[in-house]
Amino acid sequence: RLMKEGRMKGQAFIGLPNEKAAAKA
């Protein structure tokens, strides 16, 4: 989820398969 407008512009939320993958990322 990439934010392109408003106050959240330049930010993103990325869902990964599990906590281990997120920690490595």
PDB file of all heavy atoms in Angstrom:
ATOM      1  N   ARG A   1       0.863  -1.181   0.000  1.00  0.00           N
ATOM      2  CA  ARG A   1       0.000   0.000   0.000  1.00  0.00           C
ATOM      3  C   ARG A   1       0.900   1.232   0.000  1.00  0.00           C
ATOM      4  O   ARG A   1       1.467   1.607   1.033  1.00  0.00           O
ATOM      5  CB  ARG A   1      -0.917  -0.004   1.232  1.00  0.00           C
ATOM      6  CG  ARG A   1      -1.980  -1.080   1.201  1.00  0.00           C
ATOM      7  CD  ARG A   1      -2.815  -1.039   2.459  1.00  0.00           C
ATOM      8  NE  ARG A   1      -3.456   0.271   2.629  1.00  0.00           N
ATOM      9  CZ  ARG A   1      -3.977   0.691   3.784  1.00  0.00           C
ATOM     10  NH1 ARG A   1      -3.924  -0.082   4.861  1.00  0.00           N
ATOM     11  NH2 ARG A   1      -4.545   1.884   3.860  1.00  0.00           N
ATOM     12  N   LEU A   2       1.033   1.845  -1.138  1.00  0.00           N
ATOM     13  CA  LEU A   2       1.872   3.028  -1.292  1.00  0.00           C
ATOM     14  C   LEU A   2       1.014   4.285  -1.273  1.00  0.00           C
ATOM     15  O   LEU A   2       0.070   4.419  -2.052  1.00  0.00           O
ATOM     16  CB  LEU A   2       2.655   2.952  -2.614  1.00  0.00           C
ATOM     17  CG  LEU A   2       3.488   4.179  -2.994  1.00  0.00           C
ATOM     18  CD1 LEU A   2       4.587   4.444  -1.951  1.00  0.00           C
ATOM     19  CD2 LEU A   2       4.107   3.981  -4.376  1.00  0.00           C
ATOM     20  N   MET A   3       1.345   5.188  -0.351  1.00  0.00           N
ATOM     21  CA  MET A   3       0.595   6.436  -0.226  1.00  0.00           C
ATOM     22  C   MET A   3       1.203   7.500  -1.147  1.00  0.00           C
ATOM     23  O   MET A   3       2.393   7.793  -1.052  1.00  0.00           O
ATOM     24  CB  MET A   3       0.622   6.934   1.229  1.00  0.00           C
ATOM     25  CG  MET A   3       0.265   5.866   2.247  1.00  0.00           C
ATOM     26  SD  MET A   3      -1.364   5.126   1.952  1.00  0.00           S
ATOM     27  CE  MET A   3      -1.394   3.851   3.212  1.00  0.00           C
ATOM     28  N   LYS A   4       0.377   8.068  -2.024  1.00  0.00           N
ATOM     29  CA  LYS A   4       0.877   9.046  -2.983  1.00  0.00           C
ATOM     30  C   LYS A   4       0.302  10.451  -2.782  1.00  0.00           C
ATOM     31  O   LYS A   4       0.723  11.398  -3.439  1.00  0.00           O
ATOM     32  CB  LYS A   4       0.571   8.570  -4.413  1.00  0.00           C
ATOM     33  CG  LYS A   4       1.248   7.253  -4.771  1.00  0.00           C
ATOM     34  CD  LYS A   4       0.923   6.849  -6.198  1.00  0.00           C
ATOM     35  CE  LYS A   4       1.601   5.539  -6.566  1.00  0.00           C
ATOM     36  NZ  LYS A   4       1.292   5.139  -7.966  1.00  0.00           N
ATOM     37  N   GLU A   5      -0.653  10.562  -1.879  1.00  0.00           N
ATOM     38  CA  GLU A   5      -1.283  11.865  -1.650  1.00  0.00           C
ATOM     39  C   GLU A   5      -1.488  12.114  -0.156  1.00  0.00           C
ATOM     40  O   GLU A   5      -1.479  11.184   0.660  1.00  0.00           O
ATOM     41  CB  GLU A   5      -2.631  11.928  -2.375  1.00  0.00           C
ATOM     42  CG  GLU A   5      -2.519  11.808  -3.890  1.00  0.00           C
ATOM     43  CD  GLU A   5      -3.877  11.843  -4.569  1.00  0.00           C
ATOM     44  OE1 GLU A   5      -4.901  11.881  -3.832  1.00  0.00           O
ATOM     45  OE2 GLU A   5      -3.925  11.827  -5.807  1.00  0.00           O
ATOM     46  N   GLY A   6      -1.700  13.384   0.171  1.00  0.00           N
ATOM     47  CA  GLY A   6      -2.023  13.748   1.542  1.00  0.00           C
ATOM     48  C   GLY A   6      -0.835  13.665   2.487  1.00  0.00           C
ATOM     49  O   GLY A   6       0.326  13.630   2.074  1.00  0.00           O
ATOM     50  N   ARG A   7      -1.171  13.596   3.772  1.00  0.00           N
ATOM     51  CA  ARG A   7      -0.124  13.585   4.799  1.00  0.00           C
ATOM     52  C   ARG A   7       0.722  12.314   4.761  1.00  0.00           C
ATOM     53  O   ARG A   7       1.849  12.297   5.239  1.00  0.00           O
ATOM     54  CB  ARG A   7      -0.786  13.725   6.176  1.00  0.00           C
ATOM     55  CG  ARG A   7      -1.493  15.061   6.382  1.00  0.00           C
ATOM     56  CD  ARG A   7      -2.238  15.072   7.698  1.00  0.00           C
ATOM     57  NE  ARG A   7      -1.329  14.820   8.812  1.00  0.00           N
ATOM     58  CZ  ARG A   7      -1.739  14.614  10.061  1.00  0.00           C
ATOM     59  NH1 ARG A   7      -3.047  14.598  10.334  1.00  0.00           N
ATOM     60  NH2 ARG A   7      -0.880  14.410  11.020  1.00  0.00           N
ATOM     61  N   MET A   8       0.182  11.243   4.246  1.00  0.00           N
ATOM     62  CA  MET A   8       0.895   9.960   4.210  1.00  0.00           C
ATOM     63  C   MET A   8       1.744   9.792   2.949  1.00  0.00           C
ATOM     64  O   MET A   8       2.322   8.736   2.726  1.00  0.00           O
ATOM     65  CB  MET A   8      -0.112   8.810   4.295  1.00  0.00           C
ATOM     66  CG  MET A   8      -0.894   8.762   5.587  1.00  0.00           C
ATOM     67  SD  MET A   8       0.151   8.355   7.002  1.00  0.00           S
ATOM     68  CE  MET A   8       0.455   6.619   6.695  1.00  0.00           C
ATOM     69  N   LYS A   9       1.815  10.827   2.158  1.00  0.00           N
ATOM     70  CA  LYS A   9       2.593  10.747   0.914  1.00  0.00           C
ATOM     71  C   LYS A   9       4.057  10.411   1.211  1.00  0.00           C
ATOM     72  O   LYS A   9       4.653  10.951   2.137  1.00  0.00           O
ATOM     73  CB  LYS A   9       2.514  12.090   0.169  1.00  0.00           C
ATOM     74  CG  LYS A   9       3.162  12.069  -1.203  1.00  0.00           C
ATOM     75  CD  LYS A   9       2.974  13.411  -1.882  1.00  0.00           C
ATOM     76  CE  LYS A   9       3.604  13.414  -3.277  1.00  0.00           C
ATOM     77  NZ  LYS A   9       3.429  14.720  -3.966  1.00  0.00           N
ATOM     78  N   GLY A  10       4.618   9.510   0.399  1.00  0.00           N
ATOM     79  CA  GLY A  10       6.014   9.096   0.606  1.00  0.00           C
ATOM     80  C   GLY A  10       6.166   8.001   1.637  1.00  0.00           C
ATOM     81  O   GLY A  10       7.272   7.732   2.107  1.00  0.00           O
ATOM     82  N   GLN A  11       5.042   7.350   1.971  1.00  0.00           N
ATOM     83  CA  GLN A  11       5.079   6.259   2.943  1.00  0.00           C
ATOM     84  C   GLN A  11       4.373   5.036   2.352  1.00  0.00           C
ATOM     85  O   GLN A  11       3.587   5.154   1.422  1.00  0.00           O
ATOM     86  CB  GLN A  11       4.391   6.688   4.242  1.00  0.00           C
ATOM     87  CG  GLN A  11       5.021   7.928   4.871  1.00  0.00           C
ATOM     88  CD  GLN A  11       4.236   8.414   6.062  1.00  0.00           C
ATOM     89  OE1 GLN A  11       3.961   7.651   6.973  1.00  0.00           O
ATOM     90  NE2 GLN A  11       3.861   9.691   6.058  1.00  0.00           N
ATOM     91  N   ALA A  12       4.673   3.885   2.938  1.00  0.00           N
ATOM     92  CA  ALA A  12       4.051   2.649   2.431  1.00  0.00           C
ATOM     93  C   ALA A  12       3.948   1.614   3.537  1.00  0.00           C
ATOM     94  O   ALA A  12       4.750   1.607   4.486  1.00  0.00           O
ATOM     95  CB  ALA A  12       4.869   2.096   1.268  1.00  0.00           C
ATOM     96  N   PHE A  13       2.958   0.757   3.399  1.00  0.00           N
ATOM     97  CA  PHE A  13       2.795  -0.391   4.295  1.00  0.00           C
ATOM     98  C   PHE A  13       2.908  -1.650   3.433  1.00  0.00           C
ATOM     99  O   PHE A  13       2.259  -1.758   2.395  1.00  0.00           O
ATOM    100  CB  PHE A  13       1.440  -0.352   5.009  1.00  0.00           C
ATOM    101  CG  PHE A  13       1.324   0.750   6.009  1.00  0.00           C
ATOM    102  CD1 PHE A  13       0.797   1.987   5.638  1.00  0.00           C
ATOM    103  CD2 PHE A  13       1.749   0.565   7.322  1.00  0.00           C
ATOM    104  CE1 PHE A  13       0.683   3.016   6.557  1.00  0.00           C
ATOM    105  CE2 PHE A  13       1.645   1.595   8.246  1.00  0.00           C
ATOM    106  CZ  PHE A  13       1.118   2.818   7.870  1.00  0.00           C
ATOM    107  N   ILE A  14       3.719  -2.574   3.903  1.00  0.00           N
ATOM    108  CA  ILE A  14       3.960  -3.794   3.120  1.00  0.00           C
ATOM    109  C   ILE A  14       3.698  -5.013   3.996  1.00  0.00           C
ATOM    110  O   ILE A  14       4.296  -5.173   5.064  1.00  0.00           O
ATOM    111  CB  ILE A  14       5.406  -3.837   2.585  1.00  0.00           C
ATOM    112  CG1 ILE A  14       5.645  -2.606   1.692  1.00  0.00           C
ATOM    113  CG2 ILE A  14       5.664  -5.124   1.814  1.00  0.00           C
ATOM    114  CD1 ILE A  14       7.081  -2.428   1.255  1.00  0.00           C
ATOM    115  N   GLY A  15       2.782  -5.856   3.540  1.00  0.00           N
ATOM    116  CA  GLY A  15       2.480  -7.089   4.253  1.00  0.00           C
ATOM    117  C   GLY A  15       3.316  -8.234   3.708  1.00  0.00           C
ATOM    118  O   GLY A  15       3.360  -8.466   2.504  1.00  0.00           O
ATOM    119  N   LEU A  16       3.979  -8.944   4.611  1.00  0.00           N
ATOM    120  CA  LEU A  16       4.828 -10.075   4.231  1.00  0.00           C
ATOM    121  C   LEU A  16       4.277 -11.371   4.835  1.00  0.00           C
ATOM    122  O   LEU A  16       3.447 -11.317   5.760  1.00  0.00           O
ATOM    123  CB  LEU A  16       6.269  -9.817   4.687  1.00  0.00           C
ATOM    124  CG  LEU A  16       6.969  -8.672   3.939  1.00  0.00           C
ATOM    125  CD1 LEU A  16       8.275  -8.285   4.618  1.00  0.00           C
ATOM    126  CD2 LEU A  16       7.230  -9.041   2.485  1.00  0.00           C
ATOM    127  N   PRO A  17       4.693 -12.518   4.337  1.00  0.00           N
ATOM    128  CA  PRO A  17       4.094 -13.797   4.742  1.00  0.00           C
ATOM    129  C   PRO A  17       4.184 -14.087   6.238  1.00  0.00           C
ATOM    130  O   PRO A  17       3.289 -14.715   6.793  1.00  0.00           O
ATOM    131  CB  PRO A  17       4.902 -14.831   3.944  1.00  0.00           C
ATOM    132  CG  PRO A  17       5.421 -14.072   2.766  1.00  0.00           C
ATOM    133  CD  PRO A  17       5.675 -12.692   3.259  1.00  0.00           C
ATOM    134  N   ASN A  18       5.259 -13.675   6.877  1.00  0.00           N
ATOM    135  CA  ASN A  18       5.419 -13.987   8.295  1.00  0.00           C
ATOM    136  C   ASN A  18       6.381 -12.996   8.961  1.00  0.00           C
ATOM    137  O   ASN A  18       6.995 -12.155   8.295  1.00  0.00           O
ATOM    138  CB  ASN A  18       5.927 -15.425   8.483  1.00  0.00           C
ATOM    139  CG  ASN A  18       7.150 -15.704   7.614  1.00  0.00           C
ATOM    140  OD1 ASN A  18       8.193 -15.053   7.738  1.00  0.00           O
ATOM    141  ND2 ASN A  18       7.015 -16.678   6.710  1.00  0.00           N
ATOM    142  N   GLU A  19       6.486 -13.108  10.251  1.00  0.00           N
ATOM    143  CA  GLU A  19       7.327 -12.191  11.033  1.00  0.00           C
ATOM    144  C   GLU A  19       8.807 -12.341  10.687  1.00  0.00           C
ATOM    145  O   GLU A  19       9.550 -11.358  10.665  1.00  0.00           O
ATOM    146  CB  GLU A  19       7.106 -12.472  12.524  1.00  0.00           C
ATOM    147  CG  GLU A  19       7.775 -11.478  13.452  1.00  0.00           C
ATOM    148  CD  GLU A  19       7.470 -11.771  14.911  1.00  0.00           C
ATOM    149  OE1 GLU A  19       6.275 -11.750  15.275  1.00  0.00           O
ATOM    150  OE2 GLU A  19       8.420 -12.007  15.687  1.00  0.00           O
ATOM    151  N   LYS A  20       9.222 -13.564  10.403  1.00  0.00           N
ATOM    152  CA  LYS A  20      10.626 -13.808  10.057  1.00  0.00           C
ATOM    153  C   LYS A  20      11.005 -13.076   8.772  1.00  0.00           C
ATOM    154  O   LYS A  20      12.073 -12.460   8.673  1.00  0.00           O
ATOM    155  CB  LYS A  20      10.861 -15.313   9.889  1.00  0.00           C
ATOM    156  CG  LYS A  20      12.309 -15.681   9.587  1.00  0.00           C
ATOM    157  CD  LYS A  20      12.467 -17.186   9.469  1.00  0.00           C
ATOM    158  CE  LYS A  20      13.905 -17.558   9.133  1.00  0.00           C
ATOM    159  NZ  LYS A  20      14.060 -19.042   8.988  1.00  0.00           N
ATOM    160  N   ALA A  21      10.131 -13.137   7.761  1.00  0.00           N
ATOM    161  CA  ALA A  21      10.387 -12.455   6.489  1.00  0.00           C
ATOM    162  C   ALA A  21      10.418 -10.947   6.693  1.00  0.00           C
ATOM    163  O   ALA A  21      11.249 -10.236   6.116  1.00  0.00           O
ATOM    164  CB  ALA A  21       9.321 -12.837   5.465  1.00  0.00           C
ATOM    165  N   ALA A  22       9.504 -10.449   7.543  1.00  0.00           N
ATOM    166  CA  ALA A  22       9.463  -9.012   7.817  1.00  0.00           C
ATOM    167  C   ALA A  22      10.728  -8.549   8.532  1.00  0.00           C
ATOM    168  O   ALA A  22      11.276  -7.482   8.230  1.00  0.00           O
ATOM    169  CB  ALA A  22       8.225  -8.686   8.655  1.00  0.00           C
ATOM    170  N   ALA A  23      11.202  -9.345   9.473  1.00  0.00           N
ATOM    171  CA  ALA A  23      12.417  -8.995  10.211  1.00  0.00           C
ATOM    172  C   ALA A  23      13.632  -8.959   9.286  1.00  0.00           C
ATOM    173  O   ALA A  23      14.492  -8.073   9.394  1.00  0.00           O
ATOM    174  CB  ALA A  23      12.645 -10.000  11.338  1.00  0.00           C
ATOM    175  N   LYS A  24      13.691  -9.914   8.368  1.00  0.00           N
ATOM    176  CA  LYS A  24      14.802  -9.953   7.408  1.00  0.00           C
ATOM    177  C   LYS A  24      14.735  -8.756   6.456  1.00  0.00           C
ATOM    178  O   LYS A  24      15.758  -8.144   6.139  1.00  0.00           O
ATOM    179  CB  LYS A  24      14.750 -11.257   6.611  1.00  0.00           C
ATOM    180  CG  LYS A  24      15.976 -11.463   5.721  1.00  0.00           C
ATOM    181  CD  LYS A  24      15.917 -12.819   5.031  1.00  0.00           C
ATOM    182  CE  LYS A  24      17.158 -13.014   4.180  1.00  0.00           C
ATOM    183  NZ  LYS A  24      17.128 -14.307   3.446  1.00  0.00           N
ATOM    184  N   ALA A  25      13.523  -8.407   6.028  1.00  0.00           N
ATOM    185  CA  ALA A  25      13.347  -7.264   5.133  1.00  0.00           C
ATOM    186  C   ALA A  25      13.771  -5.979   5.819  1.00  0.00           C
ATOM    187  O   ALA A  25      14.433  -5.117   5.225  1.00  0.00           O
ATOM    188  CB  ALA A  25      11.887  -7.177   4.693  1.00  0.00           C
TER     189      ALA A  25
END
